[in-house]
C-alpha atoms as a PDB file:
ATOM      1  CA  MET A   1      30.303 -21.294 -14.578  1.00  0.00           C
ATOM      2  CA  LEU A   2      32.363 -19.572 -17.775  1.00  0.00           C
ATOM      3  CA  ARG A   3      30.604 -16.469 -17.390  1.00  0.00           C
ATOM      4  CA  TRP A   4      31.577 -16.005 -13.841  1.00  0.00           C
ATOM      5  CA  LEU A   5      35.584 -16.825 -13.976  1.00  0.00           C
ATOM      6  CA  LYS A   6      35.937 -14.446 -17.090  1.00  0.00           C
ATOM      7  CA  SER A   7      34.194 -11.813 -14.900  1.00  0.00           C
ATOM      8  CA  GLU A   8      36.090 -12.715 -11.779  1.00  0.00           C
ATOM      9  CA  LEU A   9      39.135 -12.537 -13.996  1.00  0.00           C
ATOM     10  CA  ARG A  10      38.226  -9.113 -15.454  1.00  0.00           C
ATOM     11  CA  ARG A  11      37.575  -7.873 -11.509  1.00  0.00           C
ATOM     12  CA  GLN A  12      41.160  -9.229 -10.986  1.00  0.00           C
ATOM     13  CA  GLN A  13      42.874  -7.501 -13.475  1.00  0.00           C
ATOM     14  CA  LEU A  14      41.049  -4.542 -13.180  1.00  0.00           C
ATOM     15  CA  GLY A  15      42.019  -4.181  -9.558  1.00  0.00           C
ATOM     16  CA  ARG A  16      45.688  -4.721 -10.325  1.00  0.00           C
ATOM     17  CA  ALA A  17      45.887  -2.307 -13.170  1.00  0.00           C
ATOM     18  CA  ALA A  18      44.750   0.678 -11.134  1.00  0.00           C
ATOM     19  CA  LEU A  19      47.571  -0.342  -8.552  1.00  0.00           C
ATOM     20  CA  PRO A  20      50.594   0.809 -10.937  1.00  0.00           C
ATOM     21  CA  ASN A  21      54.233   0.351  -9.222  1.00  0.00           C
ATOM     22  CA  HIS A  22      55.084   3.976  -9.328  1.00  0.00           C
ATOM     23  CA  THR A  23      51.616   5.352  -7.398  1.00  0.00           C
ATOM     24  CA  ALA A  24      52.554   7.452  -4.775  1.00  0.00           C
ATOM     25  CA  LEU A  25      52.148   6.180  -1.220  1.00  0.00           C
ATOM     26  CA  ASP A  26      49.908   9.194  -0.378  1.00  0.00           C
ATOM     27  CA  SER A  27      47.185   8.141  -3.147  1.00  0.00           C
ATOM     28  CA  LEU A  28      46.857   4.833  -2.661  1.00  0.00           C
ATOM     29  CA  ARG A  29      43.768   3.209  -0.663  1.00  0.00           C
ATOM     30  CA  TYR A  30      44.573   0.714   1.883  1.00  0.00           C
ATOM     31  CA  VAL A  31      42.764  -2.207   3.994  1.00  0.00           C
ATOM     32  CA  VAL A  32      44.017  -2.524   7.184  1.00  0.00           C
ATOM     33  CA  LEU A  33      42.883  -6.040   8.362  1.00  0.00           C
ATOM     34  CA  ASP A  34      43.275  -8.300  11.403  1.00  0.00           C
ATOM     35  CA  THR A  35      42.179 -12.052  11.812  1.00  0.00           C
ATOM     36  CA  GLU A  36      41.291 -13.962  15.150  1.00  0.00           C
ATOM     37  CA  LEU A  37      41.973 -17.897  14.809  1.00  0.00           C
ATOM     38  CA  THR A  38      41.484 -21.112  16.625  1.00  0.00           C
ATOM     39  CA  SER A  39      44.942 -21.456  16.860  1.00  0.00           C
ATOM     40  CA  LEU A  40      48.035 -20.581  15.347  1.00  0.00           C
ATOM     41  CA  ASP A  41      49.213 -23.696  13.820  1.00  0.00           C
ATOM     42  CA  SER A  42      48.750 -23.275   9.746  1.00  0.00           C
ATOM     43  CA  ARG A  43      47.796 -26.998   8.976  1.00  0.00           C
ATOM     44  CA  SER A  44      44.451 -26.656  11.174  1.00  0.00           C
ATOM     45  CA  ASN A  45      43.524 -23.456  12.486  1.00  0.00           C
ATOM     46  CA  ARG A  46      40.082 -22.172  11.558  1.00  0.00           C
ATOM     47  CA  LEU A  47      39.007 -18.718  11.022  1.00  0.00           C
ATOM     48  CA  LEU A  48      36.955 -17.583  13.997  1.00  0.00           C
ATOM     49  CA  SER A  49      36.346 -13.329  13.024  1.00  0.00           C
ATOM     50  CA  ILE A  50      37.758 -10.514  10.688  1.00  0.00           C
ATOM     51  CA  GLY A  51      38.461  -6.585  11.354  1.00  0.00           C
ATOM     52  CA  ALA A  52      39.264  -4.307   8.340  1.00  0.00           C
ATOM     53  CA  ILE A  53      39.227  -0.679   8.117  1.00  0.00           C
ATOM     54  CA  ALA A  54      39.873   1.454   5.186  1.00  0.00           C
ATOM     55  CA  MET A  55      42.891   4.303   4.758  1.00  0.00           C
ATOM     56  CA  ASP A  56      43.037   6.420   2.112  1.00  0.00           C
ATOM     57  CA  GLY A  57      46.375   7.672   2.130  1.00  0.00           C
ATOM     58  CA  PRO A  58      47.465   8.097   5.808  1.00  0.00           C
ATOM     59  CA  LYS A  59      43.484   9.361   6.146  1.00  0.00           C
ATOM     60  CA  ILE A  60      42.070   5.771   8.197  1.00  0.00           C
ATOM     61  CA  ARG A  61      38.231   6.362   7.349  1.00  0.00           C
ATOM     62  CA  LEU A  62      36.398   5.138  10.593  1.00  0.00           C
ATOM     63  CA  GLY A  63      33.063   4.887   8.894  1.00  0.00           C
ATOM     64  CA  GLU A  64      34.894   2.108   6.726  1.00  0.00           C
ATOM     65  CA  GLN A  65      35.025  -0.754   8.861  1.00  0.00           C
ATOM     66  CA  PHE A  66      34.491  -4.387   8.336  1.00  0.00           C
ATOM     67  CA  TYR A  67      34.230  -7.038  11.412  1.00  0.00           C
ATOM     68  CA  ARG A  68      32.546 -10.279  11.185  1.00  0.00           C
ATOM     69  CA  ILE A  69      32.419 -13.269  13.600  1.00  0.00           C
ATOM     70  CA  VAL A  70      32.672 -17.142  11.748  1.00  0.00           C
ATOM     71  CA  ASP A  71      31.395 -20.192  13.215  1.00  0.00           C
ATOM     72  CA  PRO A  72      34.192 -22.304  12.854  1.00  0.00           C
ATOM     73  CA  ARG A  73      32.359 -25.917  12.800  1.00  0.00           C
ATOM     74  CA  VAL A  74      35.118 -26.801  15.137  1.00  0.00           C
ATOM     75  CA  PRO A  75      35.904 -27.006  18.957  1.00  0.00           C
ATOM     76  CA  VAL A  76      37.446 -24.007  20.253  1.00  0.00           C
ATOM     77  CA  PRO A  77      40.227 -24.928  22.281  1.00  0.00           C
ATOM     78  CA  PRO A  78      40.305 -22.984  25.488  1.00  0.00           C
ATOM     79  CA  GLU A  79      43.973 -22.100  25.144  1.00  0.00           C
ATOM     80  CA  SER A  80      42.450 -19.959  22.221  1.00  0.00           C
ATOM     81  CA  VAL A  81      39.779 -18.456  24.288  1.00  0.00           C
ATOM     82  CA  VAL A  82      41.622 -16.954  26.961  1.00  0.00           C
ATOM     83  CA  ILE A  83      43.348 -14.775  24.415  1.00  0.00           C
ATOM     84  CA  HIS A  84      40.294 -13.525  22.588  1.00  0.00           C
ATOM     85  CA  GLN A  85      37.126 -14.020  24.310  1.00  0.00           C
ATOM     86  CA  LEU A  86      35.388 -15.809  21.450  1.00  0.00           C
ATOM     87  CA  ARG A  87      33.845 -19.191  22.573  1.00  0.00           C
ATOM     88  CA  SER A  88      32.090 -21.554  20.869  1.00  0.00           C
ATOM     89  CA  GLU A  89      28.741 -20.503  21.964  1.00  0.00           C
ATOM     90  CA  ASP A  90      29.321 -16.992  20.707  1.00  0.00           C
ATOM     91  CA  LEU A  91      29.931 -17.724  16.985  1.00  0.00           C
ATOM     92  CA  LYS A  92      26.926 -19.923  16.626  1.00  0.00           C
ATOM     93  CA  GLY A  93      24.394 -18.584  14.132  1.00  0.00           C
ATOM     94  CA  SER A  94      26.892 -16.425  12.546  1.00  0.00           C
ATOM     95  CA  GLU A  95      26.592 -15.096   9.141  1.00  0.00           C
ATOM     96  CA  PRO A  96      27.841 -18.059   6.709  1.00  0.00           C
ATOM     97  CA  LEU A  97      31.426 -18.399   5.912  1.00  0.00           C
ATOM     98  CA  ALA A  98      30.900 -17.635   1.859  1.00  0.00           C
ATOM     99  CA  ARG A  99      29.078 -14.374   2.555  1.00  0.00           C
ATOM    100  CA  THR A 100      31.531 -13.822   4.731  1.00  0.00           C
ATOM    101  CA  LEU A 101      34.575 -14.000   2.421  1.00  0.00           C
ATOM    102  CA  GLN A 102      32.701 -12.616  -0.726  1.00  0.00           C
ATOM    103  CA  ASP A 103      31.563  -9.734   1.089  1.00  0.00           C
ATOM    104  CA  LEU A 104      35.622  -9.320   2.114  1.00  0.00           C
ATOM    105  CA  ARG A 105      36.686  -9.658  -1.395  1.00  0.00           C
ATOM    106  CA  ARG A 106      34.406  -6.919  -2.657  1.00  0.00           C
ATOM    107  CA  PHE A 107      35.562  -4.665   0.555  1.00  0.00           C
ATOM    108  CA  VAL A 108      39.235  -5.088  -0.190  1.00  0.00           C
ATOM    109  CA  GLU A 109      39.250  -4.977  -4.153  1.00  0.00           C
ATOM    110  CA  GLY A 110      41.359  -2.506  -5.540  1.00  0.00           C
ATOM    111  CA  THR A 111      43.345  -1.682  -2.464  1.00  0.00           C
ATOM    112  CA  VAL A 112      46.569  -2.390  -0.913  1.00  0.00           C
ATOM    113  CA  LEU A 113      46.562  -4.916   1.738  1.00  0.00           C
ATOM    114  CA  VAL A 114      48.157  -3.974   5.350  1.00  0.00           C
ATOM    115  CA  GLY A 115      48.416  -6.071   8.359  1.00  0.00           C
ATOM    116  CA  HIS A 116      50.874  -7.138  11.177  1.00  0.00           C
ATOM    117  CA  PHE A 117      52.659 -10.208  10.673  1.00  0.00           C
ATOM    118  CA  LEU A 118      50.206 -10.195   7.311  1.00  0.00           C
ATOM    119  CA  ASN A 119      51.182 -13.746   6.441  1.00  0.00           C
ATOM    120  CA  ILE A 120      49.669 -15.237   8.692  1.00  0.00           C
ATOM    121  CA  ASP A 121      46.485 -13.738   8.406  1.00  0.00           C
ATOM    122  CA  LEU A 122      46.697 -14.475   4.345  1.00  0.00           C
ATOM    123  CA  LYS A 123      47.221 -17.570   4.652  1.00  0.00           C
ATOM    124  CA  VAL A 124      44.014 -18.802   6.749  1.00  0.00           C
ATOM    125  CA  LEU A 125      41.926 -16.394   4.730  1.00  0.00           C
ATOM    126  CA  ARG A 126      43.366 -18.229   1.421  1.00  0.00           C
ATOM    127  CA  LYS A 127      42.645 -21.549   3.131  1.00  0.00           C
ATOM    128  CA  GLU A 128      39.160 -20.203   3.800  1.00  0.00           C
ATOM    129  CA  LEU A 129      38.664 -19.509   0.114  1.00  0.00           C
ATOM    130  CA  GLY A 130      39.672 -22.942  -1.192  1.00  0.00           C
ATOM    131  CA  GLY A 131      43.330 -23.158  -0.664  1.00  0.00           C
ATOM    132  CA  ASN A 132      43.721 -20.729  -3.970  1.00  0.00           C
ATOM    133  CA  ARG A 133      47.009 -18.645  -3.828  1.00  0.00           C
ATOM    134  CA  HIS A 134      45.770 -16.281  -6.297  1.00  0.00           C
ATOM    135  CA  GLU A 135      42.465 -15.118  -3.867  1.00  0.00           C
ATOM    136  CA  LEU A 136      43.094 -11.894  -1.872  1.00  0.00           C
ATOM    137  CA  ASP A 137      45.757 -11.482  -4.393  1.00  0.00           C
ATOM    138  CA  ASN A 138      46.048  -7.750  -3.532  1.00  0.00           C
ATOM    139  CA  PRO A 139      49.202  -6.102  -3.128  1.00  0.00           C
ATOM    140  CA  ALA A 140      50.469  -6.714   0.498  1.00  0.00           C
ATOM    141  CA  VAL A 141      52.162  -5.285   3.254  1.00  0.00           C
ATOM    142  CA  ASP A 142      53.391  -6.427   6.584  1.00  0.00           C
ATOM    143  CA  THR A 143      54.140  -3.738   8.937  1.00  0.00           C
ATOM    144  CA  ALA A 144      56.207  -5.859  11.439  1.00  0.00           C
ATOM    145  CA  ARG A 145      58.488  -6.209   8.319  1.00  0.00           C
ATOM    146  CA  VAL A 146      58.405  -2.245   7.343  1.00  0.00           C
ATOM    147  CA  HIS A 147      59.164  -1.843  11.124  1.00  0.00           C
ATOM    148  CA  GLN A 148      61.766  -3.783  10.941  1.00  0.00           C
ATOM    149  CA  TRP A 149      63.440  -2.202   7.832  1.00  0.00           C
ATOM    150  CA  ILE A 150      62.878   1.421   9.507  1.00  0.00           C
ATOM    151  CA  LEU A 151      64.970  -0.230  13.020  1.00  0.00           C
ATOM    152  CA  ARG A 152      67.644  -1.255  10.819  1.00  0.00           C
ATOM    153  CA  CYS A 153      67.963   2.180   8.688  1.00  0.00           C
ATOM    154  CA  GLY A 154      67.836   3.774  12.269  1.00  0.00           C
ATOM    155  CA  GLN A 155      70.760   3.004  15.149  1.00  0.00           C
ATOM    156  CA  TYR A 156      70.756  -0.770  14.214  1.00  0.00           C
ATOM    157  CA  SER A 157      73.239  -2.083  11.768  1.00  0.00           C
ATOM    158  CA  GLU A 158      71.686  -3.880   8.798  1.00  0.00           C
ATOM    159  CA  ASP A 159      73.478  -6.916   9.451  1.00  0.00           C
ATOM    160  CA  LEU A 160      72.155  -6.894  12.934  1.00  0.00           C
ATOM    161  CA  PRO A 161      69.190  -8.920  13.931  1.00  0.00           C
ATOM    162  CA  VAL A 162      66.208  -7.474  15.391  1.00  0.00           C
ATOM    163  CA  GLN A 163      64.503  -9.673  17.971  1.00  0.00           C
ATOM    164  CA  LEU A 164      60.902 -11.175  17.662  1.00  0.00           C
ATOM    165  CA  GLU A 165      59.607  -9.296  20.714  1.00  0.00           C
ATOM    166  CA  MET A 166      60.223  -6.121  19.156  1.00  0.00           C
ATOM    167  CA  LEU A 167      58.434  -6.405  16.500  1.00  0.00           C
ATOM    168  CA  GLU A 168      54.770  -7.546  18.296  1.00  0.00           C
ATOM    169  CA  LEU A 169      51.899  -5.251  16.973  1.00  0.00           C
ATOM    170  CA  THR A 170      51.828  -3.911  20.857  1.00  0.00           C
ATOM    171  CA  THR A 171      55.447  -3.138  21.333  1.00  0.00           C
ATOM    172  CA  VAL A 172      55.500  -1.246  17.928  1.00  0.00           C
ATOM    173  CA  ALA A 173      52.196   0.473  19.163  1.00  0.00           C
ATOM    174  CA  LYS A 174      54.181   2.244  22.091  1.00  0.00           C
ATOM    175  CA  PHE A 175      57.010   2.705  20.161  1.00  0.00           C
ATOM    176  CA  TYR A 176      54.822   4.786  18.748  1.00  0.00           C
ATOM    177  CA  GLY A 177      53.513   6.406  21.231  1.00  0.00           C
ATOM    178  CA  LEU A 178      49.902   4.926  20.620  1.00  0.00           C
ATOM    179  CA  ASP A 179      47.997   4.033  23.548  1.00  0.00           C
ATOM    180  CA  VAL A 180      47.560   0.018  23.662  1.00  0.00           C
ATOM    181  CA  ASP A 181      44.081  -1.849  24.965  1.00  0.00           C
ATOM    182  CA  ASN A 182      41.839  -4.434  23.948  1.00  0.00           C
ATOM    183  CA  ALA A 183      44.227  -6.713  21.812  1.00  0.00           C
ATOM    184  CA  HIS A 184      43.375  -9.999  20.134  1.00  0.00           C
ATOM    185  CA  HIS A 185      40.200  -8.110  19.304  1.00  0.00           C
ATOM    186  CA  ALA A 186      39.970  -8.118  15.415  1.00  0.00           C
ATOM    187  CA  LEU A 187      38.770  -5.077  14.459  1.00  0.00           C
ATOM    188  CA  TYR A 188      40.384  -3.067  17.379  1.00  0.00           C
ATOM    189  CA  ASP A 189      43.532  -4.760  16.522  1.00  0.00           C
ATOM    190  CA  ALA A 190      42.781  -3.665  12.801  1.00  0.00           C
ATOM    191  CA  PHE A 191      42.451  -0.134  13.777  1.00  0.00           C
ATOM    192  CA  LEU A 192      45.919  -0.247  15.874  1.00  0.00           C
ATOM    193  CA  THR A 193      47.358  -1.485  13.038  1.00  0.00           C
ATOM    194  CA  ALA A 194      46.193   1.516  10.556  1.00  0.00           C
ATOM    195  CA  GLN A 195      47.231   3.804  13.379  1.00  0.00           C
ATOM    196  CA  VAL A 196      50.903   2.082  13.520  1.00  0.00           C
ATOM    197  CA  TRP A 197      50.973   2.312   9.646  1.00  0.00           C
ATOM    198  CA  GLN A 198      49.932   5.738   9.475  1.00  0.00           C
ATOM    199  CA  LYS A 199      52.909   6.815  11.573  1.00  0.00           C
ATOM    200  CA  MET A 200      54.765   4.596   9.307  1.00  0.00           C
ATOM    201  CA  MET A 201      53.793   6.156   6.425  1.00  0.00           C
ATOM    202  CA  TYR A 202      55.446   9.499   7.102  1.00  0.00           C
ATOM    203  CA  THR A 203      58.724   7.914   8.819  1.00  0.00           C
ATOM    204  CA  ILE A 204      59.516   5.755   5.699  1.00  0.00           C
ATOM    205  CA  GLN A 205      58.631   8.823   3.140  1.00  0.00           C
ATOM    206  CA  ALA A 206      61.196  10.683   4.867  1.00  0.00           C
ATOM    207  CA  LYS A 207      63.705   7.932   4.422  1.00  0.00           C
ATOM    208  CA  GLY A 208      62.820   8.118   0.565  1.00  0.00           C
ATOM    209  CA  ILE A 209      60.060   5.323   0.095  1.00  0.00           C
ATOM    210  CA  ARG A 210      57.438   6.964  -1.826  1.00  0.00           C
ATOM    211  CA  LYS A 211      56.285   4.469  -4.459  1.00  0.00           C
ATOM    212  CA  LEU A 212      54.509   1.253  -4.447  1.00  0.00           C
ATOM    213  CA  SER A 213      57.056  -0.215  -5.801  1.00  0.00           C
ATOM    214  CA  ASP A 214      59.074   0.940  -2.935  1.00  0.00           C
ATOM    215  CA  LEU A 215      57.135  -0.185  -0.607  1.00  0.00           C
ATOM    216  CA  LEU A 216      57.075  -3.536  -1.485  1.00  0.00           C
ATOM    217  CA  ARG A 217      60.579  -3.748  -1.776  1.00  0.00           C
ATOM    218  CA  ILE A 218      60.978  -3.143   1.777  1.00  0.00           C
ATOM    219  CA  GLY A 219      57.754  -4.880   3.281  1.00  0.00           C
ATOM    220  CA  GLY A 220      55.719  -6.520   0.661  1.00  0.00           C
ATOM    221  CA  VAL A 221      54.630  -9.924   1.113  1.00  0.00           C
END
């Protein structure tokens, strides 16, 4: 056990050391992720599926994807099924949760995590990992926060509140001229968020956000 803990600590230290704050955005590797859940109630929700896709700078790596469905071992509420189309019977026999999370750890190692309202995803993933807040402690960026910053830098005053509806993923995607379809599938939403992030990168770099430290200041979670 002690050997495993030392190995895990070293792995985490190496992952962080590989991402100094002065690293240029185009030189970073990102993993854009999304989850589907039994509900949005953080006290009781469980993981249903994870979708993730890798990016090198602004380049989306379509061949480097991660998708798993997970049996939550609790009934899936009917109102939730309407949204993501995942029924309890669809999830039975899925890969064990522990293996899924272990594979996810490997997939995201040494990367910057990106997601839309990413705190929701990280909260449930860390809960499934035993409630350890140090799990998945990669630098993490919320595209909703970045978009809010972009809006306030544009026609909006910094003091003007941005409506929540303006920050929804489909609304933000349309803002950048992207086609929207098949929402509420974890892998599709991860891919859509990757396309949004790709557009955002060009926008924020033009506004002087060029290093990891700059990015975490405006969108870090």
